[in-house]
Amino acid sequence: MISITAIIKSKKENIQQLQSLLNDLVVETRKEAACVRYDLHQSENVFIIWEEWKDQTGLDLHNNQSHLQDFISKSENFVSAPIQVYKTAQIL
């Protein structure tokens, strides 16, 4: 199992637009066969996606999906900092 945490910081004036794009991304990503979990969380203008993938092959496939690539390009004007993505391993 592969765990990913993505942190996306919205510009204050673009929270709703970014959330709409993220909602679409979550809906489409959850349809992927290798997706175990793809949950969206929010704290003020910060969005966090907690992801779990069956394997690296499935994650690689996800990274090349048009819905992810569309999100990345469309969100550029709404974020206040580069998107941070962490590949993590559970320790407890």
PDB file of N, CA and C in Angstrom:
ATOM      1  N   MET A   1       0.852  -1.172   0.000  1.00  0.00           N
ATOM      2  CA  MET A   1       0.000   0.000   0.000  1.00  0.00           C
ATOM      3  C   MET A   1       0.907   1.247   0.000  1.00  0.00           C
ATOM      4  N   ILE A   2       0.512   2.231  -0.781  1.00  0.00           N
ATOM      5  CA  ILE A   2       1.260   3.490  -0.867  1.00  0.00           C
ATOM      6  C   ILE A   2       0.372   4.607  -0.348  1.00  0.00           C
ATOM      7  N   SER A   3       0.933   5.413   0.555  1.00  0.00           N
ATOM      8  CA  SER A   3       0.202   6.550   1.119  1.00  0.00           C
ATOM      9  C   SER A   3       0.789   7.852   0.596  1.00  0.00           C
ATOM     10  N   ILE A   4      -0.102   8.760   0.256  1.00  0.00           N
ATOM     11  CA  ILE A   4       0.284  10.079  -0.249  1.00  0.00           C
ATOM     12  C   ILE A   4      -0.510  11.126   0.527  1.00  0.00           C
ATOM     13  N   THR A   5       0.156  12.207   0.885  1.00  0.00           N
ATOM     14  CA  THR A   5      -0.527  13.367   1.445  1.00  0.00           C
ATOM     15  C   THR A   5      -0.185  14.559   0.564  1.00  0.00           C
ATOM     16  N   ALA A   6      -1.216  15.219   0.055  1.00  0.00           N
ATOM     17  CA  ALA A   6      -1.022  16.413  -0.777  1.00  0.00           C
ATOM     18  C   ALA A   6      -1.605  17.606  -0.038  1.00  0.00           C
ATOM     19  N   ILE A   7      -0.828  18.679   0.026  1.00  0.00           N
ATOM     20  CA  ILE A   7      -1.256  19.903   0.704  1.00  0.00           C
ATOM     21  C   ILE A   7      -1.359  21.008  -0.339  1.00  0.00           C
ATOM     22  N   ILE A   8      -2.552  21.595  -0.420  1.00  0.00           N
ATOM     23  CA  ILE A   8      -2.850  22.598  -1.442  1.00  0.00           C
ATOM     24  C   ILE A   8      -3.340  23.850  -0.736  1.00  0.00           C
ATOM     25  N   LYS A   9      -2.611  24.939  -0.885  1.00  0.00           N
ATOM     26  CA  LYS A   9      -2.969  26.198  -0.225  1.00  0.00           C
ATOM     27  C   LYS A   9      -3.608  27.146  -1.240  1.00  0.00           C
ATOM     28  N   SER A  10      -4.846  27.482  -0.963  1.00  0.00           N
ATOM     29  CA  SER A  10      -5.600  28.363  -1.849  1.00  0.00           C
ATOM     30  C   SER A  10      -5.337  29.826  -1.517  1.00  0.00           C
ATOM     31  N   LYS A  11      -5.399  30.663  -2.540  1.00  0.00           N
ATOM     32  CA  LYS A  11      -5.480  32.095  -2.282  1.00  0.00           C
ATOM     33  C   LYS A  11      -6.824  32.330  -1.594  1.00  0.00           C
ATOM     34  N   LYS A  12      -6.847  33.248  -0.632  1.00  0.00           N
ATOM     35  CA  LYS A  12      -8.067  33.488   0.155  1.00  0.00           C
ATOM     36  C   LYS A  12      -9.273  33.768  -0.736  1.00  0.00           C
ATOM     37  N   GLU A  13      -9.068  34.478  -1.826  1.00  0.00           N
ATOM     38  CA  GLU A  13     -10.180  34.869  -2.690  1.00  0.00           C
ATOM     39  C   GLU A  13     -10.615  33.755  -3.651  1.00  0.00           C
ATOM     40  N   ASN A  14      -9.896  32.631  -3.653  1.00  0.00           N
ATOM     41  CA  ASN A  14     -10.207  31.556  -4.602  1.00  0.00           C
ATOM     42  C   ASN A  14     -10.564  30.227  -3.941  1.00  0.00           C
ATOM     43  N   ILE A  15     -10.940  30.255  -2.683  1.00  0.00           N
ATOM     44  CA  ILE A  15     -11.231  29.012  -1.956  1.00  0.00           C
ATOM     45  C   ILE A  15     -12.347  28.223  -2.642  1.00  0.00           C
ATOM     46  N   GLN A  16     -13.429  28.880  -3.003  1.00  0.00           N
ATOM     47  CA  GLN A  16     -14.563  28.168  -3.608  1.00  0.00           C
ATOM     48  C   GLN A  16     -14.218  27.584  -4.977  1.00  0.00           C
ATOM     49  N   GLN A  17     -13.488  28.328  -5.779  1.00  0.00           N
ATOM     50  CA  GLN A  17     -13.110  27.836  -7.105  1.00  0.00           C
ATOM     51  C   GLN A  17     -12.202  26.612  -6.983  1.00  0.00           C
ATOM     52  N   LEU A  18     -11.243  26.692  -6.064  1.00  0.00           N
ATOM     53  CA  LEU A  18     -10.321  25.583  -5.886  1.00  0.00           C
ATOM     54  C   LEU A  18     -11.054  24.364  -5.322  1.00  0.00           C
ATOM     55  N   GLN A  19     -11.963  24.582  -4.384  1.00  0.00           N
ATOM     56  CA  GLN A  19     -12.710  23.460  -3.832  1.00  0.00           C
ATOM     57  C   GLN A  19     -13.543  22.767  -4.914  1.00  0.00           C
ATOM     58  N   SER A  20     -14.117  23.529  -5.802  1.00  0.00           N
ATOM     59  CA  SER A  20     -14.889  22.941  -6.894  1.00  0.00           C
ATOM     60  C   SER A  20     -14.004  22.053  -7.777  1.00  0.00           C
ATOM     61  N   LEU A  21     -12.815  22.529  -8.111  1.00  0.00           N
ATOM     62  CA  LEU A  21     -11.882  21.725  -8.903  1.00  0.00           C
ATOM     63  C   LEU A  21     -11.472  20.459  -8.144  1.00  0.00           C
ATOM     64  N   LEU A  22     -11.231  20.610  -6.855  1.00  0.00           N
ATOM     65  CA  LEU A  22     -10.843  19.462  -6.036  1.00  0.00           C
ATOM     66  C   LEU A  22     -11.966  18.437  -5.925  1.00  0.00           C
ATOM     67  N   ASN A  23     -13.190  18.919  -5.777  1.00  0.00           N
ATOM     68  CA  ASN A  23     -14.327  17.999  -5.706  1.00  0.00           C
ATOM     69  C   ASN A  23     -14.397  17.135  -6.965  1.00  0.00           C
ATOM     70  N   ASP A  24     -14.226  17.762  -8.125  1.00  0.00           N
ATOM     71  CA  ASP A  24     -14.235  17.019  -9.388  1.00  0.00           C
ATOM     72  C   ASP A  24     -13.087  16.010  -9.443  1.00  0.00           C
ATOM     73  N   LEU A  25     -11.909  16.429  -8.982  1.00  0.00           N
ATOM     74  CA  LEU A  25     -10.744  15.548  -8.969  1.00  0.00           C
ATOM     75  C   LEU A  25     -11.001  14.323  -8.091  1.00  0.00           C
ATOM     76  N   VAL A  26     -11.566  14.544  -6.923  1.00  0.00           N
ATOM     77  CA  VAL A  26     -11.837  13.432  -6.004  1.00  0.00           C
ATOM     78  C   VAL A  26     -12.829  12.449  -6.622  1.00  0.00           C
ATOM     79  N   VAL A  27     -13.901  12.957  -7.187  1.00  0.00           N
ATOM     80  CA  VAL A  27     -14.919  12.087  -7.792  1.00  0.00           C
ATOM     81  C   VAL A  27     -14.300  11.208  -8.878  1.00  0.00           C
ATOM     82  N   GLU A  28     -13.500  11.799  -9.751  1.00  0.00           N
ATOM     83  CA  GLU A  28     -12.901  11.043 -10.855  1.00  0.00           C
ATOM     84  C   GLU A  28     -11.824  10.077 -10.366  1.00  0.00           C
ATOM     85  N   THR A  29     -11.019  10.508  -9.408  1.00  0.00           N
ATOM     86  CA  THR A  29      -9.931   9.664  -8.917  1.00  0.00           C
ATOM     87  C   THR A  29     -10.464   8.436  -8.204  1.00  0.00           C
ATOM     88  N   ARG A  30     -11.547   8.583  -7.464  1.00  0.00           N
ATOM     89  CA  ARG A  30     -12.117   7.440  -6.748  1.00  0.00           C
ATOM     90  C   ARG A  30     -12.596   6.338  -7.684  1.00  0.00           C
ATOM     91  N   LYS A  31     -12.746   6.623  -8.957  1.00  0.00           N
ATOM     92  CA  LYS A  31     -13.148   5.620  -9.947  1.00  0.00           C
ATOM     93  C   LYS A  31     -11.975   4.750 -10.405  1.00  0.00           C
ATOM     94  N   GLU A  32     -10.759   5.165 -10.097  1.00  0.00           N
ATOM     95  CA  GLU A  32      -9.580   4.427 -10.552  1.00  0.00           C
ATOM     96  C   GLU A  32      -9.443   3.113  -9.783  1.00  0.00           C
ATOM     97  N   ALA A  33      -9.107   2.044 -10.495  1.00  0.00           N
ATOM     98  CA  ALA A  33      -9.044   0.705  -9.910  1.00  0.00           C
ATOM     99  C   ALA A  33      -8.040   0.602  -8.753  1.00  0.00           C
ATOM    100  N   ALA A  34      -6.936   1.297  -8.837  1.00  0.00           N
ATOM    101  CA  ALA A  34      -5.894   1.184  -7.801  1.00  0.00           C
ATOM    102  C   ALA A  34      -6.118   2.114  -6.615  1.00  0.00           C
ATOM    103  N   CYS A  35      -7.136   2.951  -6.682  1.00  0.00           N
ATOM    104  CA  CYS A  35      -7.404   3.906  -5.607  1.00  0.00           C
ATOM    105  C   CYS A  35      -8.110   3.193  -4.449  1.00  0.00           C
ATOM    106  N   VAL A  36      -7.474   3.206  -3.288  1.00  0.00           N
ATOM    107  CA  VAL A  36      -8.059   2.626  -2.083  1.00  0.00           C
ATOM    108  C   VAL A  36      -8.782   3.711  -1.292  1.00  0.00           C
ATOM    109  N   ARG A  37      -8.158   4.883  -1.216  1.00  0.00           N
ATOM    110  CA  ARG A  37      -8.731   6.002  -0.461  1.00  0.00           C
ATOM    111  C   ARG A  37      -8.257   7.297  -1.106  1.00  0.00           C
ATOM    112  N   TYR A  38      -9.166   8.259  -1.187  1.00  0.00           N
ATOM    113  CA  TYR A  38      -8.827   9.574  -1.742  1.00  0.00           C
ATOM    114  C   TYR A  38      -9.763  10.566  -1.061  1.00  0.00           C
ATOM    115  N   ASP A  39      -9.341  11.038   0.101  1.00  0.00           N
ATOM    116  CA  ASP A  39     -10.190  11.876   0.951  1.00  0.00           C
ATOM    117  C   ASP A  39      -9.711  13.322   0.955  1.00  0.00           C
ATOM    118  N   LEU A  40     -10.664  14.226   0.884  1.00  0.00           N
ATOM    119  CA  LEU A  40     -10.379  15.660   0.870  1.00  0.00           C
ATOM    120  C   LEU A  40     -10.740  16.265   2.219  1.00  0.00           C
ATOM    121  N   HIS A  41      -9.792  17.011   2.793  1.00  0.00           N
ATOM    122  CA  HIS A  41      -9.986  17.706   4.063  1.00  0.00           C
ATOM    123  C   HIS A  41      -9.692  19.185   3.846  1.00  0.00           C
ATOM    124  N   GLN A  42     -10.233  20.025   4.748  1.00  0.00           N
ATOM    125  CA  GLN A  42     -10.027  21.471   4.622  1.00  0.00           C
ATOM    126  C   GLN A  42      -9.863  22.106   5.999  1.00  0.00           C
ATOM    127  N   SER A  43      -8.967  23.068   6.081  1.00  0.00           N
ATOM    128  CA  SER A  43      -8.803  23.937   7.234  1.00  0.00           C
ATOM    129  C   SER A  43      -8.562  25.334   6.685  1.00  0.00           C
ATOM    130  N   GLU A  44      -9.580  26.171   6.789  1.00  0.00           N
ATOM    131  CA  GLU A  44      -9.547  27.529   6.223  1.00  0.00           C
ATOM    132  C   GLU A  44      -9.197  27.465   4.742  1.00  0.00           C
ATOM    133  N   ASN A  45      -8.057  28.008   4.335  1.00  0.00           N
ATOM    134  CA  ASN A  45      -7.703  28.026   2.918  1.00  0.00           C
ATOM    135  C   ASN A  45      -6.734  26.894   2.526  1.00  0.00           C
ATOM    136  N   VAL A  46      -6.576  25.923   3.403  1.00  0.00           N
ATOM    137  CA  VAL A  46      -5.674  24.801   3.135  1.00  0.00           C
ATOM    138  C   VAL A  46      -6.503  23.539   2.911  1.00  0.00           C
ATOM    139  N   PHE A  47      -6.245  22.876   1.800  1.00  0.00           N
ATOM    140  CA  PHE A  47      -6.888  21.608   1.480  1.00  0.00           C
ATOM    141  C   PHE A  47      -5.842  20.505   1.585  1.00  0.00           C
ATOM    142  N   ILE A  48      -6.248  19.380   2.116  1.00  0.00           N
ATOM    143  CA  ILE A  48      -5.355  18.233   2.250  1.00  0.00           C
ATOM    144  C   ILE A  48      -6.045  17.024   1.629  1.00  0.00           C
ATOM    145  N   ILE A  49      -5.322  16.353   0.755  1.00  0.00           N
ATOM    146  CA  ILE A  49      -5.826  15.110   0.187  1.00  0.00           C
ATOM    147  C   ILE A  49      -5.005  13.974   0.790  1.00  0.00           C
ATOM    148  N   TRP A  50      -5.725  13.040   1.394  1.00  0.00           N
ATOM    149  CA  TRP A  50      -5.096  11.853   1.952  1.00  0.00           C
ATOM    150  C   TRP A  50      -5.404  10.702   1.020  1.00  0.00           C
ATOM    151  N   GLU A  51      -4.359  10.109   0.468  1.00  0.00           N
ATOM    152  CA  GLU A  51      -4.510   9.092  -0.570  1.00  0.00           C
ATOM    153  C   GLU A  51      -3.894   7.768  -0.137  1.00  0.00           C
ATOM    154  N   GLU A  52      -4.499   6.674  -0.574  1.00  0.00           N
ATOM    155  CA  GLU A  52      -3.903   5.353  -0.454  1.00  0.00           C
ATOM    156  C   GLU A  52      -4.090   4.635  -1.781  1.00  0.00           C
ATOM    157  N   TRP A  53      -3.012   4.003  -2.235  1.00  0.00           N
ATOM    158  CA  TRP A  53      -2.988   3.331  -3.529  1.00  0.00           C
ATOM    159  C   TRP A  53      -2.551   1.890  -3.358  1.00  0.00           C
ATOM    160  N   LYS A  54      -3.122   0.995  -4.161  1.00  0.00           N
ATOM    161  CA  LYS A  54      -2.797  -0.427  -4.082  1.00  0.00           C
ATOM    162  C   LYS A  54      -1.330  -0.694  -4.372  1.00  0.00           C
ATOM    163  N   ASP A  55      -0.774   0.022  -5.367  1.00  0.00           N
ATOM    164  CA  ASP A  55       0.604  -0.234  -5.774  1.00  0.00           C
ATOM    165  C   ASP A  55       1.154   0.951  -6.568  1.00  0.00           C
ATOM    166  N   GLN A  56       2.452   0.892  -6.817  1.00  0.00           N
ATOM    167  CA  GLN A  56       3.116   1.977  -7.540  1.00  0.00           C
ATOM    168  C   GLN A  56       2.607   2.078  -8.977  1.00  0.00           C
ATOM    169  N   THR A  57       2.287   0.967  -9.592  1.00  0.00           N
ATOM    170  CA  THR A  57       1.765   0.986 -10.959  1.00  0.00           C
ATOM    171  C   THR A  57       0.473   1.795 -11.027  1.00  0.00           C
ATOM    172  N   GLY A  58      -0.423   1.582 -10.058  1.00  0.00           N
ATOM    173  CA  GLY A  58      -1.679   2.324 -10.015  1.00  0.00           C
ATOM    174  C   GLY A  58      -1.463   3.799  -9.755  1.00  0.00           C
ATOM    175  N   LEU A  59      -0.505   4.123  -8.890  1.00  0.00           N
ATOM    176  CA  LEU A  59      -0.190   5.528  -8.615  1.00  0.00           C
ATOM    177  C   LEU A  59       0.408   6.190  -9.855  1.00  0.00           C
ATOM    178  N   ASP A  60       1.281   5.477 -10.538  1.00  0.00           N
ATOM    179  CA  ASP A  60       1.860   6.024 -11.777  1.00  0.00           C
ATOM    180  C   ASP A  60       0.771   6.292 -12.814  1.00  0.00           C
ATOM    181  N   LEU A  61      -0.175   5.368 -12.919  1.00  0.00           N
ATOM    182  CA  LEU A  61      -1.288   5.548 -13.848  1.00  0.00           C
ATOM    183  C   LEU A  61      -2.102   6.787 -13.454  1.00  0.00           C
ATOM    184  N   HIS A  62      -2.369   6.938 -12.158  1.00  0.00           N
ATOM    185  CA  HIS A  62      -3.105   8.110 -11.664  1.00  0.00           C
ATOM    186  C   HIS A  62      -2.384   9.402 -12.045  1.00  0.00           C
ATOM    187  N   ASN A  63      -1.086   9.424 -11.855  1.00  0.00           N
ATOM    188  CA  ASN A  63      -0.318  10.643 -12.117  1.00  0.00           C
ATOM    189  C   ASN A  63      -0.372  11.071 -13.575  1.00  0.00           C
ATOM    190  N   ASN A  64      -0.768  10.172 -14.458  1.00  0.00           N
ATOM    191  CA  ASN A  64      -0.869  10.496 -15.880  1.00  0.00           C
ATOM    192  C   ASN A  64      -2.303  10.636 -16.374  1.00  0.00           C
ATOM    193  N   GLN A  65      -3.268  10.545 -15.467  1.00  0.00           N
ATOM    194  CA  GLN A  65      -4.680  10.675 -15.851  1.00  0.00           C
ATOM    195  C   GLN A  65      -5.003  12.113 -16.257  1.00  0.00           C
ATOM    196  N   SER A  66      -5.880  12.271 -17.215  1.00  0.00           N
ATOM    197  CA  SER A  66      -6.248  13.613 -17.688  1.00  0.00           C
ATOM    198  C   SER A  66      -6.935  14.426 -16.592  1.00  0.00           C
ATOM    199  N   HIS A  67      -7.721  13.789 -15.714  1.00  0.00           N
ATOM    200  CA  HIS A  67      -8.389  14.571 -14.669  1.00  0.00           C
ATOM    201  C   HIS A  67      -7.378  15.156 -13.682  1.00  0.00           C
ATOM    202  N   LEU A  68      -6.274  14.471 -13.417  1.00  0.00           N
ATOM    203  CA  LEU A  68      -5.240  15.044 -12.544  1.00  0.00           C
ATOM    204  C   LEU A  68      -4.480  16.142 -13.284  1.00  0.00           C
ATOM    205  N   GLN A  69      -4.118  15.893 -14.512  1.00  0.00           N
ATOM    206  CA  GLN A  69      -3.387  16.901 -15.290  1.00  0.00           C
ATOM    207  C   GLN A  69      -4.238  18.157 -15.490  1.00  0.00           C
ATOM    208  N   ASP A  70      -5.533  17.988 -15.731  1.00  0.00           N
ATOM    209  CA  ASP A  70      -6.439  19.138 -15.860  1.00  0.00           C
ATOM    210  C   ASP A  70      -6.504  19.930 -14.556  1.00  0.00           C
ATOM    211  N   PHE A  71      -6.608  19.209 -13.425  1.00  0.00           N
ATOM    212  CA  PHE A  71      -6.639  19.900 -12.135  1.00  0.00           C
ATOM    213  C   PHE A  71      -5.376  20.726 -11.940  1.00  0.00           C
ATOM    214  N   ILE A  72      -4.234  20.141 -12.209  1.00  0.00           N
ATOM    215  CA  ILE A  72      -2.965  20.847 -12.007  1.00  0.00           C
ATOM    216  C   ILE A  72      -2.922  22.123 -12.839  1.00  0.00           C
ATOM    217  N   SER A  73      -3.301  22.041 -14.096  1.00  0.00           N
ATOM    218  CA  SER A  73      -3.236  23.236 -14.953  1.00  0.00           C
ATOM    219  C   SER A  73      -4.294  24.271 -14.572  1.00  0.00           C
ATOM    220  N   LYS A  74      -5.512  23.827 -14.271  1.00  0.00           N
ATOM    221  CA  LYS A  74      -6.580  24.776 -13.931  1.00  0.00           C
ATOM    222  C   LYS A  74      -6.400  25.416 -12.561  1.00  0.00           C
ATOM    223  N   SER A  75      -5.722  24.748 -11.655  1.00  0.00           N
ATOM    224  CA  SER A  75      -5.577  25.268 -10.287  1.00  0.00           C
ATOM    225  C   SER A  75      -4.430  26.262 -10.133  1.00  0.00           C
ATOM    226  N   GLU A  76      -3.578  26.370 -11.121  1.00  0.00           N
ATOM    227  CA  GLU A  76      -2.386  27.222 -11.010  1.00  0.00           C
ATOM    228  C   GLU A  76      -2.691  28.641 -10.554  1.00  0.00           C
ATOM    229  N   ASN A  77      -3.775  29.224 -11.053  1.00  0.00           N
ATOM    230  CA  ASN A  77      -4.105  30.613 -10.709  1.00  0.00           C
ATOM    231  C   ASN A  77      -4.800  30.744  -9.356  1.00  0.00           C
ATOM    232  N   PHE A  78      -5.194  29.619  -8.746  1.00  0.00           N
ATOM    233  CA  PHE A  78      -5.943  29.651  -7.491  1.00  0.00           C
ATOM    234  C   PHE A  78      -5.103  29.339  -6.260  1.00  0.00           C
ATOM    235  N   VAL A  79      -3.906  28.791  -6.450  1.00  0.00           N
ATOM    236  CA  VAL A  79      -3.073  28.405  -5.314  1.00  0.00           C
ATOM    237  C   VAL A  79      -2.107  29.525  -4.928  1.00  0.00           C
ATOM    238  N   SER A  80      -1.804  29.573  -3.626  1.00  0.00           N
ATOM    239  CA  SER A  80      -0.900  30.611  -3.129  1.00  0.00           C
ATOM    240  C   SER A  80       0.540  30.119  -2.996  1.00  0.00           C
ATOM    241  N   ALA A  81       0.737  28.817  -3.202  1.00  0.00           N
ATOM    242  CA  ALA A  81       2.070  28.216  -3.115  1.00  0.00           C
ATOM    243  C   ALA A  81       2.054  26.937  -3.937  1.00  0.00           C
ATOM    244  N   PRO A  82       3.230  26.448  -4.301  1.00  0.00           N
ATOM    245  CA  PRO A  82       3.255  25.177  -5.029  1.00  0.00           C
ATOM    246  C   PRO A  82       2.604  24.059  -4.197  1.00  0.00           C
ATOM    247  N   ILE A  83       1.933  23.144  -4.870  1.00  0.00           N
ATOM    248  CA  ILE A  83       1.311  22.003  -4.193  1.00  0.00           C
ATOM    249  C   ILE A  83       2.422  21.112  -3.631  1.00  0.00           C
ATOM    250  N   GLN A  84       2.267  20.736  -2.368  1.00  0.00           N
ATOM    251  CA  GLN A  84       3.242  19.863  -1.709  1.00  0.00           C
ATOM    252  C   GLN A  84       2.689  18.441  -1.697  1.00  0.00           C
ATOM    253  N   VAL A  85       3.503  17.500  -2.146  1.00  0.00           N
ATOM    254  CA  VAL A  85       3.080  16.103  -2.186  1.00  0.00           C
ATOM    255  C   VAL A  85       4.126  15.274  -1.438  1.00  0.00           C
ATOM    256  N   TYR A  86       3.636  14.487  -0.471  1.00  0.00           N
ATOM    257  CA  TYR A  86       4.509  13.648   0.337  1.00  0.00           C
ATOM    258  C   TYR A  86       4.106  12.196   0.189  1.00  0.00           C
ATOM    259  N   LYS A  87       5.052  11.358  -0.175  1.00  0.00           N
ATOM    260  CA  LYS A  87       4.855   9.916  -0.197  1.00  0.00           C
ATOM    261  C   LYS A  87       5.340   9.418   1.161  1.00  0.00           C
ATOM    262  N   THR A  88       4.444   8.800   1.904  1.00  0.00           N
ATOM    263  CA  THR A  88       4.780   8.450   3.279  1.00  0.00           C
ATOM    264  C   THR A  88       4.617   6.961   3.543  1.00  0.00           C
ATOM    265  N   ALA A  89       5.219   6.524   4.645  1.00  0.00           N
ATOM    266  CA  ALA A  89       5.082   5.152   5.115  1.00  0.00           C
ATOM    267  C   ALA A  89       4.557   5.191   6.539  1.00  0.00           C
ATOM    268  N   GLN A  90       3.575   4.384   6.826  1.00  0.00           N
ATOM    269  CA  GLN A  90       3.010   4.316   8.167  1.00  0.00           C
ATOM    270  C   GLN A  90       4.025   3.697   9.120  1.00  0.00           C
ATOM    271  N   ILE A  91       4.220   4.309  10.283  1.00  0.00           N
ATOM    272  CA  ILE A  91       5.198   3.779  11.232  1.00  0.00           C
ATOM    273  C   ILE A  91       4.553   3.240  12.502  1.00  0.00           C
ATOM    274  N   LEU A  92       3.294   3.554  12.718  1.00  0.00           N
ATOM    275  CA  LEU A  92       2.551   2.997  13.872  1.00  0.00           C
ATOM    276  C   LEU A  92       1.159   2.624  13.450  1.00  0.00           C
TER     277      LEU A  92
END
